[in-house]
């Protein structure tokens, strides 16, 4: 159950530029309601203000899973990504429909398709219904595939090294910076294998957070 008094305190702290306090309260509230997109956006905004770019990006993308076309969210995320000027791999599922929206579209257009003879569709309307059905089905399939097979993480350390193996005894391969989004290939107890672009490497688990 969200505490409205605490939320008001967080909002006021943000307006008073006490971003650290706002971040602390929003974090507490997201633990109570982790699927509230506005809470996630507010938390991300306060994290950006305290220069925690990786954490901000994490929470913006978590909000995008729920509300992918929020204007405020997309504008703020674009600002952060532009400011850190890091190349990011495309994340297609975060730019389309949410799972709930895809399911609604799929059901609606499937019903229309089944009733096409009774509704006496003309050829143009029939084509639109079929196209929408295909698009919503494809989006659902992609979301299901990505959630099952592709795990993404974001670097939350100022910088971290990627190594050729799961310890610092191996050779350094490349450096990763706060806010860079990676694909998680093989999670481990202390180290995990990640993919950045076409490059594979191993990083400490403490250097990233799951999106």
N, C-alpha and C. Protein backbone atom coordinates (compact mmCIF):
# COMPACT_ATOMS: atom_id res chain seq x y z
N UNK A 1 0.85 -1.20 0.00
CA UNK A 1 0.00 0.00 0.00
C UNK A 1 0.88 1.25 0.00
N UNK A 2 0.68 2.11 -1.00
CA UNK A 2 1.49 3.30 -1.09
C UNK A 2 1.13 4.29 0.00
N UNK A 3 2.14 4.94 0.52
CA UNK A 3 1.95 5.96 1.55
C UNK A 3 1.89 7.33 0.86
N UNK A 4 0.69 7.91 0.80
CA UNK A 4 0.51 9.17 0.08
C UNK A 4 1.31 10.31 0.72
N UNK A 5 1.41 10.27 2.05
CA UNK A 5 2.18 11.32 2.74
C UNK A 5 3.65 11.26 2.35
N UNK A 6 4.18 10.03 2.25
CA UNK A 6 5.58 9.88 1.85
C UNK A 6 5.79 10.32 0.40
N UNK A 7 4.81 10.01 -0.46
CA UNK A 7 4.93 10.42 -1.86
C UNK A 7 4.93 11.94 -1.98
N UNK A 8 4.07 12.59 -1.21
CA UNK A 8 4.05 14.04 -1.21
C UNK A 8 5.37 14.61 -0.71
N UNK A 9 5.96 13.94 0.30
CA UNK A 9 7.26 14.37 0.82
C UNK A 9 8.34 14.22 -0.24
N UNK A 10 8.28 13.12 -0.99
CA UNK A 10 9.25 12.89 -2.05
C UNK A 10 9.11 13.94 -3.15
N UNK A 11 7.86 14.21 -3.54
CA UNK A 11 7.63 15.21 -4.58
C UNK A 11 8.12 16.59 -4.14
N UNK A 12 7.87 16.92 -2.88
CA UNK A 12 8.30 18.22 -2.37
C UNK A 12 9.82 18.28 -2.29
N UNK A 13 10.44 17.17 -1.85
CA UNK A 13 11.91 17.14 -1.78
C UNK A 13 12.51 17.34 -3.17
N UNK A 14 11.89 16.75 -4.19
CA UNK A 14 12.37 16.92 -5.56
C UNK A 14 12.25 18.38 -5.99
N UNK A 15 11.10 18.99 -5.69
CA UNK A 15 10.90 20.40 -6.03
C UNK A 15 11.88 21.31 -5.30
N UNK A 16 12.27 20.89 -4.08
CA UNK A 16 13.22 21.67 -3.28
C UNK A 16 14.67 21.33 -3.63
N UNK A 17 14.86 20.54 -4.68
CA UNK A 17 16.18 20.09 -5.19
C UNK A 17 16.93 19.22 -4.18
N UNK A 18 16.22 18.62 -3.23
CA UNK A 18 16.84 17.63 -2.34
C UNK A 18 16.65 16.27 -3.00
N UNK A 19 17.41 16.06 -4.09
CA UNK A 19 17.20 14.88 -4.92
C UNK A 19 17.57 13.58 -4.22
N UNK A 20 18.53 13.63 -3.32
CA UNK A 20 18.92 12.42 -2.61
C UNK A 20 17.77 11.92 -1.72
N UNK A 21 17.11 12.84 -1.01
CA UNK A 21 15.98 12.47 -0.17
C UNK A 21 14.83 11.95 -1.04
N UNK A 22 14.56 12.65 -2.13
CA UNK A 22 13.50 12.20 -3.03
C UNK A 22 13.78 10.79 -3.54
N UNK A 23 15.02 10.55 -3.93
CA UNK A 23 15.41 9.23 -4.43
C UNK A 23 15.19 8.15 -3.38
N UNK A 24 15.55 8.44 -2.13
CA UNK A 24 15.40 7.46 -1.05
C UNK A 24 13.93 7.10 -0.84
N UNK A 25 13.06 8.11 -0.84
CA UNK A 25 11.64 7.85 -0.60
C UNK A 25 11.01 7.13 -1.79
N UNK A 26 11.34 7.57 -3.02
CA UNK A 26 10.79 6.89 -4.20
C UNK A 26 11.25 5.43 -4.24
N UNK A 27 12.47 5.17 -3.84
CA UNK A 27 12.97 3.80 -3.81
C UNK A 27 12.16 2.94 -2.85
N UNK A 28 11.87 3.49 -1.69
CA UNK A 28 11.05 2.77 -0.70
C UNK A 28 9.66 2.47 -1.27
N UNK A 29 9.10 3.45 -1.96
CA UNK A 29 7.74 3.29 -2.48
C UNK A 29 7.68 2.31 -3.65
N UNK A 30 8.74 2.25 -4.47
CA UNK A 30 8.73 1.29 -5.57
C UNK A 30 8.82 -0.14 -5.05
N UNK A 31 9.38 -0.32 -3.87
CA UNK A 31 9.38 -1.66 -3.27
C UNK A 31 7.97 -2.08 -2.88
N UNK A 32 7.13 -1.10 -2.56
CA UNK A 32 5.73 -1.38 -2.23
C UNK A 32 4.90 -1.60 -3.49
N UNK A 33 5.24 -0.89 -4.56
CA UNK A 33 4.48 -0.99 -5.81
C UNK A 33 5.46 -0.98 -6.99
N UNK A 34 6.12 -2.12 -7.26
CA UNK A 34 7.19 -2.15 -8.27
C UNK A 34 6.72 -2.01 -9.70
N UNK A 35 5.41 -2.06 -9.95
CA UNK A 35 4.89 -1.99 -11.32
C UNK A 35 4.15 -0.68 -11.59
N UNK A 36 4.44 0.32 -10.77
CA UNK A 36 3.82 1.64 -10.96
C UNK A 36 4.76 2.48 -11.84
N UNK A 37 4.37 2.76 -13.09
CA UNK A 37 5.30 3.45 -14.00
C UNK A 37 5.67 4.85 -13.54
N UNK A 38 4.72 5.59 -12.95
CA UNK A 38 5.03 6.95 -12.52
C UNK A 38 6.04 6.95 -11.37
N UNK A 39 5.93 5.98 -10.47
CA UNK A 39 6.92 5.86 -9.39
C UNK A 39 8.30 5.59 -9.97
N UNK A 40 8.36 4.69 -10.95
CA UNK A 40 9.64 4.35 -11.57
C UNK A 40 10.24 5.55 -12.29
N UNK A 41 9.38 6.32 -12.96
CA UNK A 41 9.85 7.52 -13.67
C UNK A 41 10.38 8.54 -12.67
N UNK A 42 9.63 8.77 -11.59
CA UNK A 42 10.07 9.73 -10.57
C UNK A 42 11.38 9.30 -9.93
N UNK A 43 11.51 7.99 -9.67
CA UNK A 43 12.76 7.48 -9.11
C UNK A 43 13.91 7.70 -10.09
N UNK A 44 13.66 7.40 -11.37
CA UNK A 44 14.70 7.59 -12.39
C UNK A 44 15.09 9.06 -12.51
N UNK A 45 14.10 9.96 -12.46
CA UNK A 45 14.40 11.39 -12.54
C UNK A 45 15.32 11.83 -11.41
N UNK A 46 15.04 11.36 -10.19
CA UNK A 46 15.87 11.75 -9.04
C UNK A 46 17.25 11.12 -9.12
N UNK A 47 17.34 9.91 -9.67
CA UNK A 47 18.65 9.27 -9.83
C UNK A 47 19.49 10.01 -10.87
N UNK A 48 18.84 10.47 -11.93
CA UNK A 48 19.56 11.26 -12.94
C UNK A 48 20.10 12.54 -12.32
N UNK A 49 19.30 13.18 -11.48
CA UNK A 49 19.73 14.42 -10.82
C UNK A 49 20.90 14.20 -9.87
N UNK A 50 21.02 12.99 -9.33
CA UNK A 50 22.15 12.69 -8.43
C UNK A 50 23.28 11.98 -9.18
N UNK A 51 23.22 12.04 -10.53
CA UNK A 51 24.27 11.52 -11.41
C UNK A 51 24.45 10.01 -11.31
N UNK A 52 23.36 9.31 -11.00
CA UNK A 52 23.36 7.85 -11.05
C UNK A 52 22.72 7.43 -12.38
N UNK A 53 23.46 7.64 -13.47
CA UNK A 53 22.88 7.45 -14.80
C UNK A 53 22.45 6.01 -15.06
N UNK A 54 23.27 5.06 -14.64
CA UNK A 54 22.94 3.66 -14.87
C UNK A 54 21.64 3.26 -14.18
N UNK A 55 21.50 3.66 -12.93
CA UNK A 55 20.27 3.35 -12.19
C UNK A 55 19.07 4.06 -12.81
N UNK A 56 19.27 5.29 -13.26
CA UNK A 56 18.18 6.03 -13.90
C UNK A 56 17.73 5.31 -15.17
N UNK A 57 18.68 4.90 -16.01
CA UNK A 57 18.35 4.19 -17.24
C UNK A 57 17.62 2.89 -16.92
N UNK A 58 18.08 2.19 -15.91
CA UNK A 58 17.41 0.94 -15.49
C UNK A 58 15.94 1.19 -15.20
N UNK A 59 15.64 2.20 -14.41
CA UNK A 59 14.26 2.42 -14.00
C UNK A 59 13.42 3.04 -15.12
N UNK A 60 14.03 3.83 -16.01
CA UNK A 60 13.28 4.30 -17.17
C UNK A 60 12.84 3.12 -18.03
N UNK A 61 13.75 2.18 -18.27
CA UNK A 61 13.40 1.03 -19.11
C UNK A 61 12.42 0.10 -18.42
N UNK A 62 12.50 -0.02 -17.10
CA UNK A 62 11.50 -0.81 -16.39
C UNK A 62 10.13 -0.17 -16.53
N UNK A 63 10.08 1.16 -16.51
CA UNK A 63 8.82 1.86 -16.73
C UNK A 63 8.33 1.67 -18.16
N UNK A 64 9.26 1.62 -19.13
CA UNK A 64 8.88 1.44 -20.53
C UNK A 64 8.25 0.08 -20.78
N UNK A 65 8.60 -0.92 -19.99
CA UNK A 65 7.96 -2.22 -20.14
C UNK A 65 6.46 -2.12 -19.85
N UNK A 66 6.09 -1.19 -18.99
CA UNK A 66 4.71 -1.03 -18.57
C UNK A 66 4.00 0.04 -19.39
N UNK A 67 4.70 1.13 -19.65
CA UNK A 67 4.10 2.27 -20.36
C UNK A 67 5.06 2.75 -21.44
N UNK A 68 5.16 2.00 -22.56
CA UNK A 68 6.21 2.27 -23.56
C UNK A 68 6.10 3.60 -24.29
N UNK A 69 4.91 4.22 -24.29
CA UNK A 69 4.76 5.45 -25.06
C UNK A 69 4.55 6.68 -24.18
N UNK A 70 4.93 6.60 -22.90
CA UNK A 70 4.84 7.77 -22.03
C UNK A 70 5.75 8.88 -22.57
N UNK A 71 5.16 10.03 -22.86
CA UNK A 71 5.93 11.14 -23.44
C UNK A 71 7.01 11.62 -22.47
N UNK A 72 6.64 11.79 -21.19
CA UNK A 72 7.61 12.24 -20.19
C UNK A 72 8.77 11.25 -20.07
N UNK A 73 8.43 9.99 -20.00
CA UNK A 73 9.45 8.95 -19.87
C UNK A 73 10.41 8.98 -21.05
N UNK A 74 9.87 8.95 -22.26
CA UNK A 74 10.72 8.89 -23.45
C UNK A 74 11.56 10.14 -23.62
N UNK A 75 11.01 11.29 -23.28
CA UNK A 75 11.78 12.53 -23.36
C UNK A 75 12.95 12.52 -22.37
N UNK A 76 12.66 12.12 -21.13
CA UNK A 76 13.70 12.10 -20.10
C UNK A 76 14.78 11.06 -20.40
N UNK A 77 14.35 9.90 -20.88
CA UNK A 77 15.32 8.86 -21.24
C UNK A 77 16.21 9.34 -22.38
N UNK A 78 15.62 10.01 -23.37
CA UNK A 78 16.40 10.52 -24.50
C UNK A 78 17.44 11.53 -24.03
N UNK A 79 17.07 12.35 -23.05
CA UNK A 79 18.01 13.34 -22.50
C UNK A 79 19.20 12.64 -21.85
N UNK A 80 18.92 11.62 -21.04
CA UNK A 80 20.00 10.90 -20.35
C UNK A 80 20.92 10.22 -21.37
N UNK A 81 20.32 9.52 -22.34
CA UNK A 81 21.13 8.79 -23.32
C UNK A 81 21.97 9.75 -24.17
N UNK A 82 21.41 10.91 -24.49
CA UNK A 82 22.16 11.90 -25.27
C UNK A 82 23.29 12.49 -24.44
N UNK A 83 23.03 12.71 -23.17
CA UNK A 83 24.05 13.34 -22.32
C UNK A 83 25.25 12.43 -22.08
N UNK A 84 25.01 11.14 -21.88
CA UNK A 84 26.14 10.25 -21.60
C UNK A 84 26.86 9.84 -22.89
N UNK A 85 26.19 10.03 -24.04
CA UNK A 85 26.81 9.82 -25.36
C UNK A 85 27.51 8.46 -25.47
N UNK A 86 26.77 7.41 -25.14
CA UNK A 86 27.30 6.06 -25.25
C UNK A 86 26.51 5.30 -26.32
N UNK A 87 27.21 4.52 -27.12
CA UNK A 87 26.52 3.69 -28.10
C UNK A 87 25.74 2.60 -27.37
N UNK A 88 24.48 2.46 -27.70
CA UNK A 88 23.64 1.46 -27.06
C UNK A 88 23.08 0.51 -28.11
N UNK A 89 23.03 -0.77 -27.77
CA UNK A 89 22.39 -1.73 -28.65
C UNK A 89 20.89 -1.48 -28.69
N UNK A 90 20.24 -1.69 -29.85
CA UNK A 90 18.79 -1.48 -29.92
C UNK A 90 18.03 -2.46 -29.03
N UNK A 91 16.94 -1.98 -28.44
CA UNK A 91 16.12 -2.82 -27.59
C UNK A 91 14.69 -2.73 -28.13
N UNK A 92 14.38 -3.59 -29.10
CA UNK A 92 13.16 -3.44 -29.88
C UNK A 92 11.90 -3.56 -29.05
N UNK A 93 11.88 -4.49 -28.10
CA UNK A 93 10.64 -4.71 -27.35
C UNK A 93 10.26 -3.52 -26.49
N UNK A 94 11.23 -2.64 -26.20
CA UNK A 94 10.95 -1.50 -25.34
C UNK A 94 10.38 -0.33 -26.14
N UNK A 95 10.27 -0.49 -27.45
CA UNK A 95 9.78 0.60 -28.29
C UNK A 95 8.40 0.31 -28.87
N UNK A 96 7.88 -0.87 -28.62
CA UNK A 96 6.60 -1.24 -29.20
C UNK A 96 5.47 -1.16 -28.20
N UNK A 97 4.63 -2.21 -28.18
CA UNK A 97 3.51 -2.28 -27.27
C UNK A 97 3.90 -3.07 -26.03
N UNK A 98 3.23 -2.77 -24.93
CA UNK A 98 3.43 -3.59 -23.74
C UNK A 98 2.75 -4.94 -23.97
N UNK A 99 3.04 -5.92 -23.12
CA UNK A 99 2.42 -7.23 -23.27
C UNK A 99 0.90 -7.13 -23.18
N UNK A 100 0.41 -6.35 -22.21
CA UNK A 100 -1.04 -6.20 -22.05
C UNK A 100 -1.67 -5.57 -23.28
N UNK A 101 -1.04 -4.53 -23.82
CA UNK A 101 -1.58 -3.87 -25.01
C UNK A 101 -1.56 -4.81 -26.21
N UNK A 102 -0.48 -5.56 -26.35
CA UNK A 102 -0.38 -6.51 -27.46
C UNK A 102 -1.46 -7.57 -27.37
N UNK A 103 -1.72 -8.04 -26.15
CA UNK A 103 -2.75 -9.06 -25.95
C UNK A 103 -4.13 -8.53 -26.29
N UNK A 104 -4.42 -7.29 -25.88
CA UNK A 104 -5.72 -6.69 -26.19
C UNK A 104 -5.90 -6.54 -27.70
N UNK A 105 -4.86 -6.02 -28.38
CA UNK A 105 -4.93 -5.87 -29.83
C UNK A 105 -5.13 -7.23 -30.50
N UNK A 106 -4.40 -8.22 -30.03
CA UNK A 106 -4.50 -9.56 -30.61
C UNK A 106 -5.92 -10.10 -30.48
N UNK A 107 -6.49 -9.97 -29.30
CA UNK A 107 -7.85 -10.49 -29.07
C UNK A 107 -8.89 -9.74 -29.90
N UNK A 108 -8.78 -8.40 -29.92
CA UNK A 108 -9.76 -7.60 -30.65
C UNK A 108 -9.73 -7.92 -32.14
N UNK A 109 -8.51 -7.91 -32.71
CA UNK A 109 -8.42 -8.15 -34.15
C UNK A 109 -8.71 -9.61 -34.51
N UNK A 110 -8.44 -10.51 -33.59
CA UNK A 110 -8.78 -11.91 -33.84
C UNK A 110 -10.29 -12.08 -33.89
N UNK A 111 -11.00 -11.40 -32.98
CA UNK A 111 -12.47 -11.45 -32.98
C UNK A 111 -13.02 -10.84 -34.27
N UNK A 112 -12.44 -9.69 -34.66
CA UNK A 112 -12.89 -9.05 -35.91
C UNK A 112 -12.64 -9.96 -37.12
N UNK A 113 -11.52 -10.64 -37.10
CA UNK A 113 -11.19 -11.54 -38.21
C UNK A 113 -12.20 -12.69 -38.28
N UNK A 114 -12.55 -13.23 -37.11
CA UNK A 114 -13.50 -14.35 -37.08
C UNK A 114 -14.90 -13.92 -37.50
N UNK A 115 -15.22 -12.64 -37.25
CA UNK A 115 -16.55 -12.12 -37.59
C UNK A 115 -16.57 -11.37 -38.92
N UNK A 116 -15.51 -11.52 -39.71
CA UNK A 116 -15.38 -10.72 -40.93
C UNK A 116 -16.55 -10.89 -41.90
N UNK A 117 -17.12 -12.12 -41.98
CA UNK A 117 -18.22 -12.35 -42.93
C UNK A 117 -19.51 -11.67 -42.46
N UNK A 118 -19.76 -11.76 -41.14
CA UNK A 118 -20.96 -11.12 -40.61
C UNK A 118 -20.86 -9.60 -40.70
N UNK A 119 -19.65 -9.08 -40.51
CA UNK A 119 -19.45 -7.63 -40.54
C UNK A 119 -19.32 -7.10 -41.97
N UNK A 120 -19.17 -8.04 -42.93
CA UNK A 120 -19.10 -7.68 -44.36
C UNK A 120 -18.00 -6.65 -44.63
N UNK A 121 -16.76 -7.02 -44.27
CA UNK A 121 -15.62 -6.14 -44.52
C UNK A 121 -15.42 -5.95 -46.01
N UNK A 122 -15.07 -4.72 -46.40
CA UNK A 122 -14.58 -4.54 -47.77
C UNK A 122 -13.10 -4.94 -47.80
N UNK A 123 -12.51 -4.99 -48.96
CA UNK A 123 -11.14 -5.51 -49.09
C UNK A 123 -10.12 -4.69 -48.31
N UNK A 124 -10.29 -3.36 -48.29
CA UNK A 124 -9.33 -2.49 -47.59
C UNK A 124 -9.39 -2.72 -46.08
N UNK A 125 -10.60 -2.77 -45.54
CA UNK A 125 -10.76 -2.98 -44.10
C UNK A 125 -10.29 -4.37 -43.72
N UNK A 126 -10.56 -5.34 -44.57
CA UNK A 126 -10.10 -6.71 -44.32
C UNK A 126 -8.57 -6.75 -44.26
N UNK A 127 -7.93 -6.06 -45.16
CA UNK A 127 -6.47 -6.02 -45.19
C UNK A 127 -5.93 -5.38 -43.91
N UNK A 128 -6.54 -4.29 -43.45
CA UNK A 128 -6.09 -3.60 -42.24
C UNK A 128 -6.22 -4.51 -41.03
N UNK A 129 -7.33 -5.22 -40.91
CA UNK A 129 -7.54 -6.13 -39.77
C UNK A 129 -6.50 -7.23 -39.77
N UNK A 130 -6.26 -7.82 -40.93
CA UNK A 130 -5.27 -8.89 -41.03
C UNK A 130 -3.87 -8.37 -40.69
N UNK A 131 -3.55 -7.17 -41.20
CA UNK A 131 -2.24 -6.58 -40.93
C UNK A 131 -2.06 -6.33 -39.44
N UNK A 132 -3.08 -5.76 -38.80
CA UNK A 132 -3.00 -5.49 -37.36
C UNK A 132 -2.88 -6.78 -36.57
N UNK A 133 -3.58 -7.82 -37.02
CA UNK A 133 -3.50 -9.11 -36.36
C UNK A 133 -2.08 -9.67 -36.45
N UNK A 134 -1.48 -9.56 -37.62
CA UNK A 134 -0.11 -10.05 -37.82
C UNK A 134 0.88 -9.26 -36.97
N UNK A 135 0.74 -7.93 -36.95
CA UNK A 135 1.66 -7.08 -36.20
C UNK A 135 1.57 -7.35 -34.70
N UNK A 136 0.34 -7.42 -34.18
CA UNK A 136 0.18 -7.66 -32.75
C UNK A 136 0.68 -9.06 -32.37
N UNK A 137 0.46 -10.04 -33.25
CA UNK A 137 0.95 -11.40 -32.99
C UNK A 137 2.48 -11.44 -32.99
N UNK A 138 3.07 -10.73 -33.96
CA UNK A 138 4.54 -10.69 -34.04
C UNK A 138 5.13 -10.01 -32.82
N UNK A 139 4.49 -8.93 -32.38
CA UNK A 139 4.99 -8.21 -31.20
C UNK A 139 4.90 -9.08 -29.96
N UNK A 140 3.80 -9.80 -29.79
CA UNK A 140 3.65 -10.72 -28.67
C UNK A 140 4.72 -11.80 -28.70
N UNK A 141 4.96 -12.34 -29.90
CA UNK A 141 5.97 -13.39 -30.04
C UNK A 141 7.36 -12.87 -29.69
N UNK A 142 7.66 -11.65 -30.16
CA UNK A 142 8.98 -11.08 -29.87
C UNK A 142 9.15 -10.80 -28.38
N UNK A 143 8.12 -10.25 -27.74
CA UNK A 143 8.18 -9.98 -26.30
C UNK A 143 8.40 -11.27 -25.52
N UNK A 144 7.67 -12.31 -25.91
CA UNK A 144 7.82 -13.60 -25.22
C UNK A 144 9.22 -14.15 -25.41
N UNK A 145 9.73 -14.05 -26.65
CA UNK A 145 11.09 -14.54 -26.92
C UNK A 145 12.12 -13.77 -26.13
N UNK A 146 12.00 -12.44 -26.14
CA UNK A 146 13.00 -11.61 -25.47
C UNK A 146 12.99 -11.84 -23.96
N UNK A 147 11.82 -11.93 -23.37
CA UNK A 147 11.75 -12.13 -21.93
C UNK A 147 12.32 -13.49 -21.53
N UNK A 148 12.17 -14.48 -22.41
CA UNK A 148 12.67 -15.81 -22.10
C UNK A 148 14.16 -15.94 -22.37
N UNK A 149 14.64 -15.31 -23.44
CA UNK A 149 15.99 -15.59 -23.92
C UNK A 149 16.99 -14.44 -23.78
N UNK A 150 16.52 -13.21 -23.68
CA UNK A 150 17.46 -12.08 -23.67
C UNK A 150 17.32 -11.31 -22.36
N UNK A 151 18.36 -11.34 -21.56
CA UNK A 151 18.39 -10.56 -20.33
C UNK A 151 19.34 -9.39 -20.53
N UNK A 152 18.87 -8.20 -20.17
CA UNK A 152 19.71 -7.02 -20.33
C UNK A 152 20.02 -6.41 -18.98
N UNK A 153 21.23 -5.88 -18.88
CA UNK A 153 21.69 -5.23 -17.66
C UNK A 153 22.27 -3.87 -18.02
N UNK A 154 22.42 -3.02 -17.02
CA UNK A 154 23.02 -1.71 -17.26
C UNK A 154 24.14 -1.51 -16.25
N UNK A 155 25.25 -0.96 -16.71
CA UNK A 155 26.39 -0.69 -15.84
C UNK A 155 26.01 0.43 -14.87
N UNK A 156 26.26 0.20 -13.58
CA UNK A 156 25.94 1.21 -12.56
C UNK A 156 27.18 1.72 -11.84
N UNK A 157 28.35 1.17 -12.15
CA UNK A 157 29.61 1.73 -11.66
C UNK A 157 30.03 2.87 -12.58
N UNK A 158 30.84 3.78 -12.06
CA UNK A 158 31.36 4.87 -12.91
C UNK A 158 32.11 4.28 -14.09
N UNK A 159 32.90 3.26 -13.82
CA UNK A 159 33.57 2.51 -14.89
C UNK A 159 33.92 1.13 -14.37
N UNK A 160 34.00 0.18 -15.27
CA UNK A 160 34.37 -1.18 -14.89
C UNK A 160 35.08 -1.83 -16.07
N UNK A 161 35.92 -2.79 -15.77
CA UNK A 161 36.67 -3.49 -16.82
C UNK A 161 35.99 -4.81 -17.17
N UNK A 162 36.02 -5.14 -18.44
CA UNK A 162 35.59 -6.46 -18.89
C UNK A 162 36.84 -7.30 -19.15
N UNK A 163 36.83 -8.53 -18.66
CA UNK A 163 37.99 -9.42 -18.76
C UNK A 163 37.67 -10.62 -19.64
N UNK A 164 38.72 -11.31 -20.02
CA UNK A 164 38.55 -12.48 -20.88
C UNK A 164 38.09 -13.71 -20.11
N UNK A 165 38.07 -13.64 -18.79
CA UNK A 165 37.61 -14.73 -17.95
C UNK A 165 36.98 -14.19 -16.68
N UNK A 166 36.60 -15.09 -15.80
CA UNK A 166 35.82 -14.69 -14.63
C UNK A 166 36.66 -14.33 -13.41
N UNK A 167 37.72 -13.58 -13.62
CA UNK A 167 38.50 -13.02 -12.52
C UNK A 167 39.45 -11.97 -13.09
N UNK A 168 40.03 -11.16 -12.21
CA UNK A 168 40.96 -10.13 -12.66
C UNK A 168 42.31 -10.70 -13.06
N UNK A 169 42.48 -12.00 -12.88
CA UNK A 169 43.72 -12.64 -13.33
C UNK A 169 43.77 -12.75 -14.86
N UNK A 170 42.63 -12.67 -15.49
CA UNK A 170 42.58 -12.74 -16.95
C UNK A 170 42.90 -11.37 -17.55
N UNK A 171 43.11 -11.35 -18.83
CA UNK A 171 43.49 -10.09 -19.50
C UNK A 171 42.28 -9.16 -19.64
N UNK A 172 42.57 -7.85 -19.56
CA UNK A 172 41.53 -6.85 -19.75
C UNK A 172 41.17 -6.75 -21.23
N UNK A 173 39.88 -6.67 -21.51
CA UNK A 173 39.42 -6.59 -22.90
C UNK A 173 38.97 -5.18 -23.27
N UNK A 174 38.09 -4.60 -22.46
CA UNK A 174 37.60 -3.26 -22.75
C UNK A 174 36.99 -2.67 -21.48
N UNK A 175 36.75 -1.35 -21.54
CA UNK A 175 36.19 -0.65 -20.40
C UNK A 175 34.72 -0.33 -20.66
N UNK A 176 33.92 -0.43 -19.62
CA UNK A 176 32.50 -0.10 -19.69
C UNK A 176 32.22 1.04 -18.72
N UNK A 177 31.29 1.92 -19.11
CA UNK A 177 31.00 3.11 -18.32
C UNK A 177 29.57 3.11 -17.80
N UNK A 178 29.35 3.91 -16.78
CA UNK A 178 28.04 4.05 -16.16
C UNK A 178 26.97 4.35 -17.22
N UNK A 179 25.95 3.51 -17.27
CA UNK A 179 24.85 3.73 -18.21
C UNK A 179 24.88 2.85 -19.44
N UNK A 180 25.96 2.12 -19.67
CA UNK A 180 26.02 1.27 -20.86
C UNK A 180 25.15 0.02 -20.65
N UNK A 181 24.36 -0.30 -21.66
CA UNK A 181 23.45 -1.43 -21.61
C UNK A 181 24.11 -2.63 -22.26
N UNK A 182 24.05 -3.77 -21.57
CA UNK A 182 24.71 -4.98 -22.01
C UNK A 182 23.70 -6.13 -22.07
N UNK A 183 24.05 -7.14 -22.85
CA UNK A 183 23.27 -8.37 -22.82
C UNK A 183 23.94 -9.35 -21.87
N UNK A 184 23.15 -9.90 -20.96
CA UNK A 184 23.67 -10.88 -20.00
C UNK A 184 23.66 -12.25 -20.67
N UNK A 185 24.85 -12.82 -20.85
CA UNK A 185 24.99 -14.09 -21.57
C UNK A 185 25.01 -15.27 -20.60
N UNK A 186 25.86 -15.19 -19.59
CA UNK A 186 26.02 -16.31 -18.65
C UNK A 186 26.21 -15.75 -17.24
N UNK A 187 25.13 -15.69 -16.43
CA UNK A 187 25.29 -15.19 -15.06
C UNK A 187 26.03 -16.18 -14.18
N UNK A 188 26.83 -15.65 -13.25
CA UNK A 188 27.57 -16.50 -12.33
C UNK A 188 27.43 -15.98 -10.91
N UNK A 189 28.10 -16.61 -9.97
CA UNK A 189 27.99 -16.25 -8.56
C UNK A 189 28.58 -14.86 -8.29
N UNK A 190 29.77 -14.61 -8.81
CA UNK A 190 30.44 -13.32 -8.58
C UNK A 190 30.75 -12.58 -9.87
N UNK A 191 30.93 -13.33 -10.95
CA UNK A 191 31.22 -12.74 -12.26
C UNK A 191 30.20 -13.26 -13.27
N UNK A 192 29.94 -12.45 -14.30
CA UNK A 192 29.02 -12.86 -15.35
C UNK A 192 29.59 -12.53 -16.72
N UNK A 193 29.26 -13.38 -17.68
CA UNK A 193 29.66 -13.08 -19.05
C UNK A 193 28.61 -12.18 -19.68
N UNK A 194 29.08 -11.13 -20.33
CA UNK A 194 28.18 -10.16 -20.97
C UNK A 194 28.56 -9.98 -22.43
N UNK A 195 27.65 -9.37 -23.18
CA UNK A 195 27.91 -9.06 -24.58
C UNK A 195 27.61 -7.60 -24.80
N UNK A 196 28.58 -6.89 -25.36
CA UNK A 196 28.39 -5.48 -25.69
C UNK A 196 28.71 -5.31 -27.17
N UNK A 197 27.67 -5.02 -27.97
CA UNK A 197 27.88 -5.04 -29.41
C UNK A 197 28.17 -6.47 -29.85
N UNK A 198 29.33 -6.67 -30.46
CA UNK A 198 29.74 -8.02 -30.85
C UNK A 198 30.80 -8.59 -29.92
N UNK A 199 31.13 -7.84 -28.86
CA UNK A 199 32.22 -8.23 -27.97
C UNK A 199 31.70 -8.95 -26.73
N UNK A 200 32.37 -10.04 -26.37
CA UNK A 200 32.06 -10.79 -25.16
C UNK A 200 33.12 -10.50 -24.10
N UNK A 201 32.71 -10.51 -22.85
CA UNK A 201 33.65 -10.31 -21.76
C UNK A 201 33.02 -10.72 -20.44
N UNK A 202 33.81 -10.68 -19.38
CA UNK A 202 33.33 -11.02 -18.05
C UNK A 202 33.47 -9.79 -17.16
N UNK A 203 32.42 -9.51 -16.37
CA UNK A 203 32.44 -8.38 -15.45
C UNK A 203 31.95 -8.82 -14.08
N UNK A 204 32.32 -8.05 -13.06
CA UNK A 204 31.84 -8.34 -11.71
C UNK A 204 30.33 -8.07 -11.63
N UNK A 205 29.65 -8.92 -10.88
CA UNK A 205 28.21 -8.74 -10.74
C UNK A 205 27.85 -7.43 -10.04
N UNK A 206 28.74 -6.95 -9.20
CA UNK A 206 28.47 -5.72 -8.47
C UNK A 206 28.51 -4.47 -9.35
N UNK A 207 28.96 -4.64 -10.60
CA UNK A 207 29.10 -3.48 -11.50
C UNK A 207 27.87 -3.19 -12.33
N UNK A 208 26.87 -4.06 -12.27
CA UNK A 208 25.68 -3.86 -13.10
C UNK A 208 24.41 -4.20 -12.33
N UNK A 209 23.27 -3.80 -12.90
CA UNK A 209 21.97 -4.18 -12.36
C UNK A 209 21.08 -4.64 -13.51
N UNK A 210 20.23 -5.60 -13.22
CA UNK A 210 19.33 -6.15 -14.22
C UNK A 210 18.23 -5.15 -14.56
N UNK A 211 17.95 -4.98 -15.85
CA UNK A 211 16.87 -4.08 -16.28
C UNK A 211 15.54 -4.82 -16.16
